Protein backbone atom coordinates (compact mmCIF):
# COMPACT_ATOMS: atom_id res chain seq x y z
CA MET A 1 132.08 -53.81 -108.00
CA ALA A 2 131.03 -57.41 -108.66
CA ASP A 3 134.54 -58.48 -109.70
CA GLY A 4 136.27 -56.74 -106.78
CA ARG A 5 137.18 -53.45 -108.45
CA ASP A 6 136.88 -50.26 -106.40
CA LEU A 7 134.21 -47.67 -107.22
CA PHE A 8 133.84 -44.20 -105.66
CA TYR A 9 130.89 -41.82 -105.85
CA PHE A 10 131.48 -38.06 -105.62
CA ASP A 11 128.36 -35.96 -105.08
CA ASP A 12 127.93 -32.33 -106.16
CA ALA A 13 127.66 -29.85 -103.32
CA ASP A 14 124.12 -29.11 -104.55
CA THR A 15 123.28 -32.73 -105.40
CA THR A 16 119.70 -33.91 -105.62
CA LEU A 17 120.71 -37.54 -105.10
CA GLY A 18 120.07 -39.49 -101.93
CA PRO A 19 122.80 -41.23 -99.94
CA ASP A 20 121.95 -44.83 -100.84
CA ARG A 21 123.75 -46.73 -103.60
CA ALA A 22 122.78 -50.05 -105.19
CA VAL A 23 124.83 -53.23 -105.00
CA ASP A 24 126.57 -54.36 -108.20
CA ALA A 25 124.86 -57.73 -108.64
CA ARG A 26 126.30 -58.68 -112.03
CA GLU A 27 128.09 -61.94 -112.69
CA LEU A 28 131.43 -60.96 -114.19
CA ASP A 29 134.42 -62.85 -115.52
CA PRO A 30 137.63 -62.68 -113.47
CA ARG A 31 139.77 -59.60 -114.04
CA PRO A 32 142.43 -59.91 -116.76
CA ALA A 33 145.99 -60.74 -115.80
CA THR A 34 148.25 -57.77 -115.19
CA ALA A 35 150.13 -56.73 -118.31
CA THR A 36 153.91 -56.87 -118.76
CA MET A 37 156.23 -53.92 -119.38
CA ARG A 38 159.02 -54.31 -121.89
CA GLN A 39 161.97 -51.94 -122.15
CA ASP A 40 162.85 -50.35 -125.47
CA VAL A 41 166.63 -50.70 -125.25
CA LEU A 42 167.06 -47.98 -127.92
CA THR A 43 165.54 -45.31 -125.66
CA GLY A 44 165.39 -46.86 -122.19
CA GLU A 45 161.63 -46.25 -122.18
CA TRP A 46 159.07 -48.76 -120.93
CA VAL A 47 156.16 -50.06 -123.01
CA SER A 48 153.21 -51.81 -121.34
CA ILE A 49 151.90 -54.69 -123.46
CA ALA A 50 148.24 -54.82 -122.38
CA ALA A 51 146.51 -57.20 -124.79
CA ALA A 52 143.23 -57.18 -122.80
CA ARG A 53 142.59 -53.65 -124.10
CA GLN A 54 141.86 -55.09 -127.54
CA ASN A 55 138.49 -56.30 -126.23
CA ARG A 56 137.21 -53.01 -124.80
CA VAL A 57 133.89 -51.56 -125.95
CA PHE A 58 134.05 -49.38 -129.08
CA LEU A 59 131.63 -46.46 -129.54
CA PRO A 60 128.49 -48.16 -128.15
CA SER A 61 124.98 -46.76 -128.56
CA ALA A 62 123.31 -44.99 -125.65
CA ASP A 63 121.34 -48.09 -124.63
CA ALA A 64 124.60 -50.07 -124.27
CA ASP A 65 126.76 -47.35 -122.71
CA PRO A 66 128.97 -48.99 -120.03
CA LEU A 67 129.43 -45.67 -118.22
CA SER A 68 125.73 -44.88 -117.76
CA PRO A 69 123.91 -45.98 -114.60
CA GLN A 70 122.70 -49.59 -114.72
CA THR A 71 119.18 -50.33 -115.95
CA SER A 72 117.24 -53.54 -116.43
CA THR A 73 118.43 -53.66 -120.04
CA ASN A 74 121.93 -52.20 -119.64
CA PRO A 75 124.17 -53.98 -117.10
CA SER A 76 126.71 -51.16 -117.12
CA GLU A 77 129.71 -50.53 -114.89
CA VAL A 78 127.90 -48.18 -112.47
CA PRO A 79 125.12 -49.63 -110.25
CA SER A 80 123.44 -46.34 -109.28
CA MET A 81 122.62 -42.87 -110.53
CA TYR A 82 125.52 -40.50 -109.84
CA ASP A 83 126.93 -36.99 -110.23
CA VAL A 84 130.57 -38.02 -110.67
CA VAL A 85 131.90 -41.55 -110.31
CA VAL A 86 135.39 -43.05 -110.39
CA PHE A 87 136.12 -46.75 -110.79
CA GLU A 88 138.93 -49.09 -111.74
CA ASN A 89 139.21 -49.71 -115.47
CA LYS A 90 138.00 -53.12 -116.59
CA SER A 91 140.84 -53.41 -119.14
CA PRO A 92 143.73 -51.52 -117.54
CA SER A 93 147.11 -50.71 -119.04
CA PHE A 94 148.59 -50.98 -115.53
CA GLY A 95 147.30 -53.24 -112.77
CA PRO A 96 145.21 -54.65 -111.22
CA LEU A 97 148.23 -55.98 -109.28
CA LEU A 98 150.06 -53.39 -107.19
CA GLU A 99 152.70 -55.80 -105.96
CA ASP A 100 154.30 -58.77 -107.69
CA GLU A 101 157.54 -60.72 -107.48
CA ASN A 102 158.48 -59.27 -110.87
CA ALA A 103 157.35 -55.72 -110.15
CA PRO A 104 159.96 -52.97 -110.60
CA PRO A 105 162.01 -53.01 -107.37
CA SER A 106 163.07 -49.34 -107.56
CA LEU A 107 163.42 -46.29 -109.79
CA ASP A 108 167.12 -47.10 -110.10
CA ALA A 109 166.28 -50.54 -111.51
CA LEU A 110 163.93 -48.92 -114.03
CA SER A 111 166.66 -46.53 -115.21
CA GLU A 112 169.05 -49.34 -116.13
CA VAL A 113 169.09 -50.30 -119.81
CA GLY A 114 169.49 -53.74 -121.34
CA VAL A 115 168.17 -56.09 -123.98
CA GLY A 116 165.06 -58.14 -123.11
CA ARG A 117 164.27 -56.47 -119.78
CA THR A 118 160.69 -56.94 -118.48
CA PHE A 119 158.66 -56.15 -115.36
CA THR A 120 155.05 -56.69 -114.39
CA SER A 121 152.93 -53.61 -115.26
CA VAL A 122 151.76 -53.04 -111.71
CA GLY A 123 149.74 -49.90 -111.04
CA ARG A 124 146.18 -48.72 -111.42
CA CYS A 125 144.01 -47.20 -114.14
CA GLU A 126 140.77 -45.47 -113.18
CA VAL A 127 137.86 -44.06 -115.18
CA VAL A 128 136.35 -40.70 -114.14
CA CYS A 129 132.76 -40.19 -115.37
CA PHE A 130 131.81 -36.50 -115.42
CA SER A 131 128.08 -37.08 -115.82
CA PRO A 132 125.55 -39.94 -115.98
CA ASP A 133 124.47 -38.73 -119.45
CA HIS A 134 125.61 -40.59 -122.56
CA GLU A 135 126.66 -37.40 -124.31
CA GLY A 136 127.79 -33.95 -123.22
CA ALA A 137 130.90 -31.89 -122.55
CA LEU A 138 132.62 -31.12 -119.27
CA GLY A 139 132.96 -27.48 -120.31
CA ASN A 140 129.16 -27.10 -120.34
CA MET A 141 128.29 -28.83 -117.06
CA GLY A 142 128.52 -25.85 -114.74
CA THR A 143 130.77 -24.70 -111.91
CA SER A 144 129.34 -27.06 -109.30
CA ARG A 145 130.00 -30.15 -111.40
CA MET A 146 133.45 -28.93 -112.37
CA ARG A 147 134.27 -28.46 -108.68
CA THR A 148 133.16 -32.04 -108.00
CA VAL A 149 135.48 -33.30 -110.73
CA ILE A 150 138.36 -31.29 -109.25
CA GLU A 151 137.64 -32.79 -105.82
CA ALA A 152 137.65 -36.27 -107.39
CA TRP A 153 141.02 -35.62 -109.08
CA ALA A 154 142.49 -34.34 -105.83
CA ASP A 155 141.10 -37.20 -103.73
CA ARG A 156 142.25 -39.89 -106.14
CA THR A 157 145.69 -38.30 -106.62
CA ALA A 158 146.22 -38.25 -102.86
CA HIS A 159 145.07 -41.86 -102.43
CA LEU A 160 146.84 -43.33 -105.45
CA SER A 161 150.08 -41.70 -104.31
CA THR A 162 149.99 -43.82 -101.15
CA LEU A 163 149.74 -47.16 -102.97
CA PRO A 164 152.78 -49.45 -103.20
CA GLY A 165 154.74 -49.30 -106.42
CA ILE A 166 153.18 -46.03 -107.66
CA HIS A 167 155.63 -43.35 -108.85
CA HIS A 168 153.45 -40.99 -110.88
CA VAL A 169 149.74 -40.05 -111.04
CA PHE A 170 148.29 -38.62 -114.25
CA PRO A 171 144.67 -37.33 -114.57
CA PHE A 172 143.63 -36.61 -118.16
CA GLU A 173 140.75 -36.44 -120.62
CA ASN A 174 140.73 -37.50 -124.26
CA ARG A 175 137.83 -35.91 -126.15
CA GLY A 176 136.80 -36.66 -129.74
CA GLU A 177 137.06 -39.58 -132.13
CA GLU A 178 139.95 -37.80 -133.85
CA ILE A 179 141.92 -38.27 -130.63
CA GLY A 180 140.97 -41.95 -130.49
CA VAL A 181 138.22 -42.13 -127.86
CA THR A 182 136.22 -45.36 -127.77
CA LEU A 183 133.31 -43.98 -125.69
CA HIS A 184 131.28 -40.85 -126.38
CA HIS A 185 130.20 -40.67 -122.73
CA PRO A 186 131.92 -37.63 -121.12
CA HIS A 187 134.74 -39.07 -119.06
CA GLY A 188 138.42 -38.92 -118.29
CA GLN A 189 140.99 -41.26 -116.81
CA ILE A 190 143.67 -41.42 -114.15
CA TYR A 191 146.79 -43.50 -114.67
CA ALA A 192 148.94 -44.44 -111.68
CA TYR A 193 152.26 -45.48 -113.22
CA PRO A 194 154.90 -47.81 -111.76
CA TYR A 195 157.59 -45.52 -113.21
CA ILE A 196 158.14 -41.85 -114.05
CA PRO A 197 156.91 -41.28 -117.65
CA PRO A 198 159.37 -39.97 -120.26
CA ARG A 199 157.81 -36.51 -120.53
CA THR A 200 158.11 -36.00 -116.78
CA GLN A 201 161.68 -37.26 -116.80
CA GLN A 202 162.49 -34.64 -119.42
CA LEU A 203 160.77 -32.00 -117.30
CA ILE A 204 162.84 -32.98 -114.26
CA ALA A 205 166.04 -32.73 -116.31
CA SER A 206 165.12 -29.19 -117.42
CA ALA A 207 164.12 -28.15 -113.90
CA ARG A 208 167.52 -29.26 -112.63
CA LYS A 209 169.27 -27.14 -115.27
CA VAL A 210 167.20 -23.97 -114.83
CA ASP A 211 166.86 -22.54 -111.32
CA GLY A 212 163.27 -21.67 -110.51
CA LEU A 213 162.10 -23.03 -113.87
CA PHE A 214 158.37 -22.53 -113.32
CA GLU A 215 158.79 -19.15 -111.62
CA GLN A 216 160.73 -17.99 -114.66
CA ILE A 217 158.14 -19.38 -117.08
CA LEU A 218 155.30 -17.72 -115.20
CA GLU A 219 157.07 -14.36 -115.05
CA SER A 220 157.95 -14.50 -118.74
CA GLU A 221 154.47 -15.49 -119.90
CA ARG A 222 152.57 -13.04 -117.67
CA THR A 223 154.50 -10.12 -119.17
CA GLY A 224 154.21 -11.39 -122.75
CA SER A 225 151.63 -11.40 -125.53
CA ARG A 226 150.41 -15.00 -125.27
CA VAL A 227 148.38 -14.80 -122.04
CA ILE A 228 144.83 -16.11 -122.36
CA TYR A 229 143.79 -15.68 -118.73
CA ALA A 230 145.47 -14.07 -115.71
CA GLY A 231 143.59 -14.62 -112.47
CA GLU A 232 144.33 -14.46 -108.77
CA HIS A 233 145.68 -18.00 -108.52
CA TRP A 234 146.13 -19.26 -112.12
CA THR A 235 147.53 -18.03 -115.43
CA ALA A 236 146.73 -19.66 -118.79
CA TYR A 237 148.82 -18.98 -121.89
CA VAL A 238 149.94 -20.29 -125.25
CA PRO A 239 153.51 -21.52 -124.64
CA PHE A 240 156.54 -19.95 -126.30
CA ALA A 241 157.40 -23.14 -128.23
CA ALA A 242 153.94 -24.60 -128.81
CA ARG A 243 154.02 -27.94 -130.62
CA TRP A 244 150.32 -28.20 -131.44
CA PRO A 245 148.13 -25.88 -133.55
CA LEU A 246 145.98 -25.36 -130.46
CA GLU A 247 147.89 -25.46 -127.19
CA VAL A 248 147.20 -23.74 -123.87
CA HIS A 249 149.14 -24.28 -120.66
CA MET A 250 148.05 -23.18 -117.19
CA LEU A 251 150.17 -22.70 -114.07
CA PRO A 252 149.28 -21.96 -110.44
CA HIS A 253 150.91 -18.85 -109.01
CA ARG A 254 152.61 -20.72 -106.15
CA HIS A 255 154.52 -23.96 -106.02
CA ILE A 256 152.14 -26.93 -105.86
CA ALA A 257 153.40 -30.45 -106.55
CA ASP A 258 150.04 -31.96 -107.47
CA ILE A 259 146.35 -31.12 -107.49
CA SER A 260 145.76 -32.58 -104.03
CA GLU A 261 147.79 -29.65 -102.62
CA THR A 262 145.50 -26.94 -104.03
CA THR A 263 143.62 -24.74 -101.57
CA ASP A 264 139.88 -24.14 -101.49
CA ASP A 265 140.33 -20.75 -103.17
CA GLU A 266 142.52 -22.23 -105.90
CA ARG A 267 139.96 -24.94 -106.60
CA ALA A 268 137.14 -22.38 -106.68
CA GLU A 269 138.90 -20.31 -109.35
CA LEU A 270 139.90 -23.43 -111.27
CA ALA A 271 136.26 -24.58 -111.36
CA ILE A 272 135.47 -21.40 -113.31
CA VAL A 273 138.44 -21.02 -115.66
CA TYR A 274 138.91 -24.72 -116.54
CA PRO A 275 135.51 -25.25 -118.22
CA ARG A 276 135.82 -21.83 -119.82
CA LEU A 277 139.01 -22.97 -121.55
CA LEU A 278 137.22 -26.10 -122.78
CA ARG A 279 134.31 -24.02 -124.08
CA THR A 280 136.79 -21.72 -125.82
CA PHE A 281 138.17 -24.60 -127.87
CA ASP A 282 134.62 -25.50 -128.92
CA LEU A 283 133.92 -21.93 -130.03
CA LEU A 284 136.89 -21.80 -132.39
CA TYR A 285 135.14 -23.70 -135.18
CA PRO A 286 131.55 -24.69 -136.09
CA THR A 287 132.02 -28.22 -134.68
CA PRO A 288 133.45 -29.38 -131.31
CA THR A 289 137.24 -29.44 -131.17
CA PRO A 290 138.98 -32.71 -130.25
CA TYR A 291 141.47 -32.26 -127.43
CA ILE A 292 143.67 -33.83 -124.79
CA ALA A 293 143.42 -32.19 -121.36
CA ALA A 294 146.38 -33.30 -119.26
CA TRP A 295 147.45 -32.60 -115.69
CA HIS A 296 151.24 -32.82 -115.41
CA GLN A 297 152.04 -33.45 -111.76
CA ALA A 298 155.24 -33.98 -109.81
CA PRO A 299 156.28 -37.60 -109.28
CA VAL A 300 155.12 -39.20 -106.06
CA HIS A 301 158.52 -39.63 -104.41
CA VAL A 302 161.08 -37.39 -106.15
CA ALA A 303 161.51 -33.85 -107.52
CA ARG A 304 158.42 -32.52 -105.75
CA ASP A 305 160.31 -29.39 -104.76
CA ILE A 306 161.13 -28.46 -108.37
CA ILE A 307 158.20 -29.77 -110.46
CA ARG A 308 155.09 -27.61 -110.29
CA LEU A 309 151.60 -28.82 -111.14
CA ASN A 310 150.79 -27.66 -114.67
CA PHE A 311 147.86 -28.17 -117.01
CA ARG A 312 148.13 -28.56 -120.78
CA LEU A 313 145.22 -28.44 -123.21
CA THR A 314 146.17 -29.45 -126.76
CA SER A 315 144.44 -30.22 -130.04
CA PRO A 316 145.70 -31.37 -133.44
CA ARG A 317 143.08 -29.20 -135.17
CA ARG A 318 144.89 -26.66 -137.36
CA ALA A 319 141.86 -25.44 -139.36
CA GLU A 320 138.13 -26.09 -139.59
CA THR A 321 138.58 -29.24 -141.69
CA LYS A 322 142.29 -30.00 -141.14
CA LEU A 323 144.21 -31.91 -138.48
CA LYS A 324 147.91 -31.98 -137.74
CA PHE A 325 149.15 -35.54 -138.13
CA LEU A 326 152.33 -36.70 -136.45
CA ALA A 327 154.16 -37.81 -139.57
CA GLY A 328 157.83 -38.47 -140.36
CA SER A 329 159.65 -35.81 -138.38
CA GLU A 330 157.40 -35.88 -135.32
CA THR A 331 156.79 -39.64 -135.09
CA ALA A 332 160.11 -41.00 -136.28
CA MET A 333 162.48 -38.38 -134.87
CA GLY A 334 160.43 -36.67 -132.14
CA ALA A 335 161.17 -33.35 -133.85
CA PHE A 336 158.00 -31.23 -133.94
CA ILE A 337 157.31 -28.72 -136.69
CA GLY A 338 154.92 -25.93 -135.72
CA ASP A 339 152.24 -25.14 -138.31
CA VAL A 340 151.15 -21.81 -136.81
CA VAL A 341 152.83 -18.96 -134.97
CA PRO A 342 152.08 -19.17 -131.20
CA GLU A 343 151.47 -15.42 -130.91
CA VAL A 344 148.90 -15.55 -133.74
CA GLN A 345 147.13 -18.52 -132.15
CA ALA A 346 147.13 -16.79 -128.77
CA GLU A 347 145.22 -13.86 -130.24
CA PHE A 348 142.81 -16.26 -131.97
CA ILE A 349 142.17 -18.23 -128.76
CA ARG A 350 142.00 -15.13 -126.55
CA ASP A 351 139.30 -13.58 -128.74
CA HIS A 352 137.10 -16.64 -128.29
CA PHE A 353 137.96 -16.97 -124.59
CA SER A 354 136.44 -13.53 -124.07
CA ARG A 355 133.16 -14.89 -125.47
CA ALA A 356 133.20 -18.26 -123.67
């Protein structure tokens, strides 16, 4: 890109696009300085203070969409027409520096706790555009496009895991203004963190307490009443202790640390069931359902033998016109209160999955 950011095109297997790509000829300001992480001494967790994000585009019209291909009137982020494209975020929470004299020196250093501790927020944040169109939904784009997105996730996970200072790679999609999206254009993101995020740390702690944690979960769910889909390589289900009104998890049937380790057959099945799950959420009510689609992967350097790749699709929508808000108990104490019975929601979701 014109300011030195990396950009990657991923073509559908049945693409109609040619091989040539245009040069990004824009004149751009220098990239923002890398943010700084501050430690919350009360929890030991790290918070990236990324002030440059305040200036990012907010819900632009189609003719000013920064994720659409460039035109003579729209100097967007992507120079050429594309199927799927991945590029470094212009206003990242982590990066653009990968190395710095004040970068975290080790995971052990990150686990120490003290007042006023800071590190440079090294890392990388990437945007994944699912389509060149201003509007649309990944669940409706077809198996070929979904497979291209899966290949992009796998490729970027593998590459980001090799970069210095990266300890965890997280592909995800936020969909819907209720979730907080600032662009309607169908897209997701990939965060490459310089630490292991709190949720993954908690997962590691549980996996070290319960032998064969994911094998036990899979066995329990596949014989229970909350299964949404049971295929050859993947099983999707409403979890036993669901936090959200709408929550579906999906596990592969063998141990896989991250999506780059999936086989061709596993990706082929995933390209069918993944968009079907997204379509299911949109069938539940008359209007599209906001959601967070998150790939929980093993850390880059530790616990890869005990943490299995798992997918979680969640939504705060608890009725047609009602959302679950994280209020006192959830936000202040981290103690979730379930609004619906998981078994009841599983039946509700499963009925619509059969029609998706």
